[in-house]
Amino acid sequence: MLGFIIWLIGVILAVKAVLDILKWNINPIVKILVAILLLATSWIGLIIYYLWGKDNLERLLK
């Protein structure tokens, strides 16, 4: 049961992060690549996105 809850939290955070990425005003190909990279790296990608990437990555990719 605990594993399911952790998995569900990860899915919710991943979907929220991908939706945030799709709102960025950058090249659509780059958006897709960043979203795939985030999903492929699972929890590590989510941690990096929420601690550093959310505020800095869009500016860096412009």
PDB file of N, CA and C in Angstrom:
ATOM      1  N   MET A   1       0.823  -1.199   0.000  1.00  0.00           N
ATOM      2  CA  MET A   1       0.000   0.000   0.000  1.00  0.00           C
ATOM      3  C   MET A   1       0.866   1.262   0.000  1.00  0.00           C
ATOM      4  N   LEU A   2       1.931   1.264   0.783  1.00  0.00           N
ATOM      5  CA  LEU A   2       2.803   2.431   0.837  1.00  0.00           C
ATOM      6  C   LEU A   2       3.475   2.672  -0.513  1.00  0.00           C
ATOM      7  N   GLY A   3       3.861   1.583  -1.174  1.00  0.00           N
ATOM      8  CA  GLY A   3       4.473   1.706  -2.494  1.00  0.00           C
ATOM      9  C   GLY A   3       3.522   2.344  -3.499  1.00  0.00           C
ATOM     10  N   PHE A   4       2.253   1.981  -3.414  1.00  0.00           N
ATOM     11  CA  PHE A   4       1.256   2.559  -4.301  1.00  0.00           C
ATOM     12  C   PHE A   4       1.097   4.055  -4.054  1.00  0.00           C
ATOM     13  N   ILE A   5       1.106   4.461  -2.806  1.00  0.00           N
ATOM     14  CA  ILE A   5       0.961   5.883  -2.468  1.00  0.00           C
ATOM     15  C   ILE A   5       2.160   6.673  -2.986  1.00  0.00           C
ATOM     16  N   ILE A   6       3.353   6.131  -2.813  1.00  0.00           N
ATOM     17  CA  ILE A   6       4.556   6.800  -3.318  1.00  0.00           C
ATOM     18  C   ILE A   6       4.513   6.891  -4.837  1.00  0.00           C
ATOM     19  N   TRP A   7       4.093   5.811  -5.498  1.00  0.00           N
ATOM     20  CA  TRP A   7       3.971   5.814  -6.958  1.00  0.00           C
ATOM     21  C   TRP A   7       2.950   6.858  -7.409  1.00  0.00           C
ATOM     22  N   LEU A   8       1.799   6.934  -6.730  1.00  0.00           N
ATOM     23  CA  LEU A   8       0.758   7.887  -7.090  1.00  0.00           C
ATOM     24  C   LEU A   8       1.237   9.324  -6.928  1.00  0.00           C
ATOM     25  N   ILE A   9       1.954   9.611  -5.870  1.00  0.00           N
ATOM     26  CA  ILE A   9       2.515  10.949  -5.661  1.00  0.00           C
ATOM     27  C   ILE A   9       3.488  11.286  -6.795  1.00  0.00           C
ATOM     28  N   GLY A  10       4.311  10.324  -7.175  1.00  0.00           N
ATOM     29  CA  GLY A  10       5.244  10.538  -8.284  1.00  0.00           C
ATOM     30  C   GLY A  10       4.540  10.822  -9.591  1.00  0.00           C
ATOM     31  N   VAL A  11       3.469  10.106  -9.869  1.00  0.00           N
ATOM     32  CA  VAL A  11       2.707  10.326 -11.109  1.00  0.00           C
ATOM     33  C   VAL A  11       2.070  11.705 -11.103  1.00  0.00           C
ATOM     34  N   ILE A  12       1.492  12.092  -9.996  1.00  0.00           N
ATOM     35  CA  ILE A  12       0.846  13.411  -9.909  1.00  0.00           C
ATOM     36  C   ILE A  12       1.877  14.531 -10.087  1.00  0.00           C
ATOM     37  N   LEU A  13       3.015  14.418  -9.427  1.00  0.00           N
ATOM     38  CA  LEU A  13       4.053  15.440  -9.566  1.00  0.00           C
ATOM     39  C   LEU A  13       4.615  15.474 -10.983  1.00  0.00           C
ATOM     40  N   ALA A  14       4.761  14.313 -11.614  1.00  0.00           N
ATOM     41  CA  ALA A  14       5.277  14.259 -12.979  1.00  0.00           C
ATOM     42  C   ALA A  14       4.306  14.913 -13.956  1.00  0.00           C
ATOM     43  N   VAL A  15       3.035  14.640 -13.821  1.00  0.00           N
ATOM     44  CA  VAL A  15       2.034  15.253 -14.701  1.00  0.00           C
ATOM     45  C   VAL A  15       2.014  16.765 -14.497  1.00  0.00           C
ATOM     46  N   LYS A  16       2.063  17.207 -13.255  1.00  0.00           N
ATOM     47  CA  LYS A  16       2.085  18.646 -12.962  1.00  0.00           C
ATOM     48  C   LYS A  16       3.327  19.304 -13.561  1.00  0.00           C
ATOM     49  N   ALA A  17       4.481  18.651 -13.450  1.00  0.00           N
ATOM     50  CA  ALA A  17       5.716  19.209 -13.999  1.00  0.00           C
ATOM     51  C   ALA A  17       5.651  19.285 -15.521  1.00  0.00           C
ATOM     52  N   VAL A  18       5.134  18.249 -16.164  1.00  0.00           N
ATOM     53  CA  VAL A  18       5.036  18.262 -17.624  1.00  0.00           C
ATOM     54  C   VAL A  18       4.069  19.349 -18.080  1.00  0.00           C
ATOM     55  N   LEU A  19       2.970  19.537 -17.385  1.00  0.00           N
ATOM     56  CA  LEU A  19       2.036  20.611 -17.739  1.00  0.00           C
ATOM     57  C   LEU A  19       2.689  21.983 -17.583  1.00  0.00           C
ATOM     58  N   ASP A  20       3.516  22.156 -16.561  1.00  0.00           N
ATOM     59  CA  ASP A  20       4.264  23.412 -16.401  1.00  0.00           C
ATOM     60  C   ASP A  20       5.231  23.615 -17.563  1.00  0.00           C
ATOM     61  N   ILE A  21       5.913  22.563 -17.964  1.00  0.00           N
ATOM     62  CA  ILE A  21       6.875  22.649 -19.061  1.00  0.00           C
ATOM     63  C   ILE A  21       6.164  23.019 -20.357  1.00  0.00           C
ATOM     64  N   LEU A  22       4.985  22.474 -20.591  1.00  0.00           N
ATOM     65  CA  LEU A  22       4.266  22.766 -21.830  1.00  0.00           C
ATOM     66  C   LEU A  22       3.778  24.213 -21.900  1.00  0.00           C
ATOM     67  N   LYS A  23       3.736  24.915 -20.786  1.00  0.00           N
ATOM     68  CA  LYS A  23       3.326  26.322 -20.760  1.00  0.00           C
ATOM     69  C   LYS A  23       4.469  27.267 -21.117  1.00  0.00           C
ATOM     70  N   TRP A  24       5.712  26.770 -21.104  1.00  0.00           N
ATOM     71  CA  TRP A  24       6.858  27.621 -21.378  1.00  0.00           C
ATOM     72  C   TRP A  24       6.824  28.170 -22.793  1.00  0.00           C
ATOM     73  N   ASN A  25       7.386  29.348 -22.974  1.00  0.00           N
ATOM     74  CA  ASN A  25       7.434  29.999 -24.277  1.00  0.00           C
ATOM     75  C   ASN A  25       8.783  29.705 -24.935  1.00  0.00           C
ATOM     76  N   ILE A  26       8.995  28.434 -25.308  1.00  0.00           N
ATOM     77  CA  ILE A  26      10.225  28.023 -25.987  1.00  0.00           C
ATOM     78  C   ILE A  26       9.852  27.115 -27.150  1.00  0.00           C
ATOM     79  N   ASN A  27      10.853  26.684 -27.904  1.00  0.00           N
ATOM     80  CA  ASN A  27      10.671  25.812 -29.048  1.00  0.00           C
ATOM     81  C   ASN A  27       9.914  24.541 -28.637  1.00  0.00           C
ATOM     82  N   PRO A  28       8.878  24.149 -29.400  1.00  0.00           N
ATOM     83  CA  PRO A  28       8.097  22.957 -29.037  1.00  0.00           C
ATOM     84  C   PRO A  28       8.924  21.672 -28.981  1.00  0.00           C
ATOM     85  N   ILE A  29       9.915  21.539 -29.829  1.00  0.00           N
ATOM     86  CA  ILE A  29      10.762  20.353 -29.806  1.00  0.00           C
ATOM     87  C   ILE A  29      11.527  20.286 -28.472  1.00  0.00           C
ATOM     88  N   VAL A  30      12.033  21.420 -28.024  1.00  0.00           N
ATOM     89  CA  VAL A  30      12.767  21.468 -26.757  1.00  0.00           C
ATOM     90  C   VAL A  30      11.826  21.136 -25.599  1.00  0.00           C
ATOM     91  N   LYS A  31      10.581  21.619 -25.651  1.00  0.00           N
ATOM     92  CA  LYS A  31       9.601  21.299 -24.616  1.00  0.00           C
ATOM     93  C   LYS A  31       9.414  19.795 -24.506  1.00  0.00           C
ATOM     94  N   ILE A  32       9.241  19.153 -25.651  1.00  0.00           N
ATOM     95  CA  ILE A  32       9.009  17.715 -25.662  1.00  0.00           C
ATOM     96  C   ILE A  32      10.227  16.962 -25.137  1.00  0.00           C
ATOM     97  N   LEU A  33      11.411  17.383 -25.557  1.00  0.00           N
ATOM     98  CA  LEU A  33      12.629  16.720 -25.096  1.00  0.00           C
ATOM     99  C   LEU A  33      12.823  16.869 -23.588  1.00  0.00           C
ATOM    100  N   VAL A  34      12.553  18.048 -23.056  1.00  0.00           N
ATOM    101  CA  VAL A  34      12.682  18.263 -21.612  1.00  0.00           C
ATOM    102  C   VAL A  34      11.645  17.431 -20.857  1.00  0.00           C
ATOM    103  N   ALA A  35      10.427  17.362 -21.381  1.00  0.00           N
ATOM    104  CA  ALA A  35       9.382  16.566 -20.734  1.00  0.00           C
ATOM    105  C   ALA A  35       9.744  15.079 -20.737  1.00  0.00           C
ATOM    106  N   ILE A  36      10.261  14.586 -21.861  1.00  0.00           N
ATOM    107  CA  ILE A  36      10.669  13.177 -21.939  1.00  0.00           C
ATOM    108  C   ILE A  36      11.819  12.906 -20.979  1.00  0.00           C
ATOM    109  N   LEU A  37      12.777  13.811 -20.927  1.00  0.00           N
ATOM    110  CA  LEU A  37      13.907  13.639 -20.008  1.00  0.00           C
ATOM    111  C   LEU A  37      13.432  13.619 -18.556  1.00  0.00           C
ATOM    112  N   LEU A  38      12.508  14.487 -18.228  1.00  0.00           N
ATOM    113  CA  LEU A  38      11.962  14.526 -16.874  1.00  0.00           C
ATOM    114  C   LEU A  38      11.264  13.214 -16.538  1.00  0.00           C
ATOM    115  N   LEU A  39      10.460  12.708 -17.451  1.00  0.00           N
ATOM    116  CA  LEU A  39       9.743  11.460 -17.187  1.00  0.00           C
ATOM    117  C   LEU A  39      10.680  10.259 -17.164  1.00  0.00           C
ATOM    118  N   ALA A  40      11.720  10.284 -17.973  1.00  0.00           N
ATOM    119  CA  ALA A  40      12.653   9.154 -18.040  1.00  0.00           C
ATOM    120  C   ALA A  40      13.516   9.048 -16.783  1.00  0.00           C
ATOM    121  N   THR A  41      13.771  10.160 -16.131  1.00  0.00           N
ATOM    122  CA  THR A  41      14.628  10.136 -14.945  1.00  0.00           C
ATOM    123  C   THR A  41      13.834   9.979 -13.652  1.00  0.00           C
ATOM    124  N   SER A  42      12.526   9.888 -13.753  1.00  0.00           N
ATOM    125  CA  SER A  42      11.644   9.595 -12.634  1.00  0.00           C
ATOM    126  C   SER A  42      11.869  10.542 -11.453  1.00  0.00           C
ATOM    127  N   TRP A  43      12.119  10.013 -10.264  1.00  0.00           N
ATOM    128  CA  TRP A  43      12.209  10.833  -9.058  1.00  0.00           C
ATOM    129  C   TRP A  43      13.384  11.797  -9.098  1.00  0.00           C
ATOM    130  N   ILE A  44      14.500  11.385  -9.670  1.00  0.00           N
ATOM    131  CA  ILE A  44      15.660  12.282  -9.757  1.00  0.00           C
ATOM    132  C   ILE A  44      15.305  13.496 -10.618  1.00  0.00           C
ATOM    133  N   GLY A  45      14.643  13.259 -11.747  1.00  0.00           N
ATOM    134  CA  GLY A  45      14.214  14.359 -12.603  1.00  0.00           C
ATOM    135  C   GLY A  45      13.229  15.280 -11.920  1.00  0.00           C
ATOM    136  N   LEU A  46      12.301  14.704 -11.163  1.00  0.00           N
ATOM    137  CA  LEU A  46      11.336  15.537 -10.431  1.00  0.00           C
ATOM    138  C   LEU A  46      12.011  16.387  -9.372  1.00  0.00           C
ATOM    139  N   ILE A  47      12.952  15.791  -8.656  1.00  0.00           N
ATOM    140  CA  ILE A  47      13.659  16.546  -7.614  1.00  0.00           C
ATOM    141  C   ILE A  47      14.436  17.704  -8.228  1.00  0.00           C
ATOM    142  N   ILE A  48      15.149  17.438  -9.303  1.00  0.00           N
ATOM    143  CA  ILE A  48      15.916  18.502  -9.968  1.00  0.00           C
ATOM    144  C   ILE A  48      14.980  19.569 -10.504  1.00  0.00           C
ATOM    145  N   TYR A  49      13.868  19.149 -11.114  1.00  0.00           N
ATOM    146  CA  TYR A  49      12.921  20.126 -11.668  1.00  0.00           C
ATOM    147  C   TYR A  49      12.356  21.030 -10.578  1.00  0.00           C
ATOM    148  N   TYR A  50      11.874  20.450  -9.493  1.00  0.00           N
ATOM    149  CA  TYR A  50      11.225  21.263  -8.464  1.00  0.00           C
ATOM    150  C   TYR A  50      12.211  22.072  -7.618  1.00  0.00           C
ATOM    151  N   LEU A  51      13.437  21.602  -7.460  1.00  0.00           N
ATOM    152  CA  LEU A  51      14.400  22.353  -6.650  1.00  0.00           C
ATOM    153  C   LEU A  51      15.151  23.414  -7.451  1.00  0.00           C
ATOM    154  N   TRP A  52      15.416  23.143  -8.724  1.00  0.00           N
ATOM    155  CA  TRP A  52      16.219  24.081  -9.504  1.00  0.00           C
ATOM    156  C   TRP A  52      15.563  24.461 -10.832  1.00  0.00           C
ATOM    157  N   GLY A  53      15.068  23.508 -11.560  1.00  0.00           N
ATOM    158  CA  GLY A  53      14.633  23.713 -12.937  1.00  0.00           C
ATOM    159  C   GLY A  53      13.404  24.561 -13.126  1.00  0.00           C
ATOM    160  N   LYS A  54      12.478  24.504 -12.214  1.00  0.00           N
ATOM    161  CA  LYS A  54      11.223  25.236 -12.372  1.00  0.00           C
ATOM    162  C   LYS A  54      11.455  26.729 -12.548  1.00  0.00           C
ATOM    163  N   ASP A  55      12.410  27.265 -11.819  1.00  0.00           N
ATOM    164  CA  ASP A  55      12.676  28.703 -11.885  1.00  0.00           C
ATOM    165  C   ASP A  55      13.742  29.068 -12.918  1.00  0.00           C
ATOM    166  N   ASN A  56      14.652  28.168 -13.221  1.00  0.00           N
ATOM    167  CA  ASN A  56      15.814  28.515 -14.043  1.00  0.00           C
ATOM    168  C   ASN A  56      15.840  27.902 -15.436  1.00  0.00           C
ATOM    169  N   LEU A  57      15.198  26.786 -15.647  1.00  0.00           N
ATOM    170  CA  LEU A  57      15.363  26.047 -16.882  1.00  0.00           C
ATOM    171  C   LEU A  57      14.757  26.766 -18.088  1.00  0.00           C
ATOM    172  N   GLU A  58      13.596  27.371 -17.938  1.00  0.00           N
ATOM    173  CA  GLU A  58      12.979  28.083 -19.063  1.00  0.00           C
ATOM    174  C   GLU A  58      13.866  29.208 -19.557  1.00  0.00           C
ATOM    175  N   ARG A  59      14.407  29.969 -18.624  1.00  0.00           N
ATOM    176  CA  ARG A  59      15.298  31.078 -18.981  1.00  0.00           C
ATOM    177  C   ARG A  59      16.553  30.544 -19.652  1.00  0.00           C
ATOM    178  N   LEU A  60      17.066  29.425 -19.187  1.00  0.00           N
ATOM    179  CA  LEU A  60      18.279  28.827 -19.726  1.00  0.00           C
ATOM    180  C   LEU A  60      18.064  28.302 -21.148  1.00  0.00           C
ATOM    181  N   LEU A  61      16.892  27.800 -21.462  1.00  0.00           N
ATOM    182  CA  LEU A  61      16.646  27.202 -22.772  1.00  0.00           C
ATOM    183  C   LEU A  61      16.204  28.202 -23.838  1.00  0.00           C
ATOM    184  N   LYS A  62      15.965  29.432 -23.494  1.00  0.00           N
ATOM    185  CA  LYS A  62      15.554  30.435 -24.485  1.00  0.00           C
ATOM    186  C   LYS A  62      16.679  30.838 -25.377  1.00  0.00           C
TER     187      LYS A  62
END
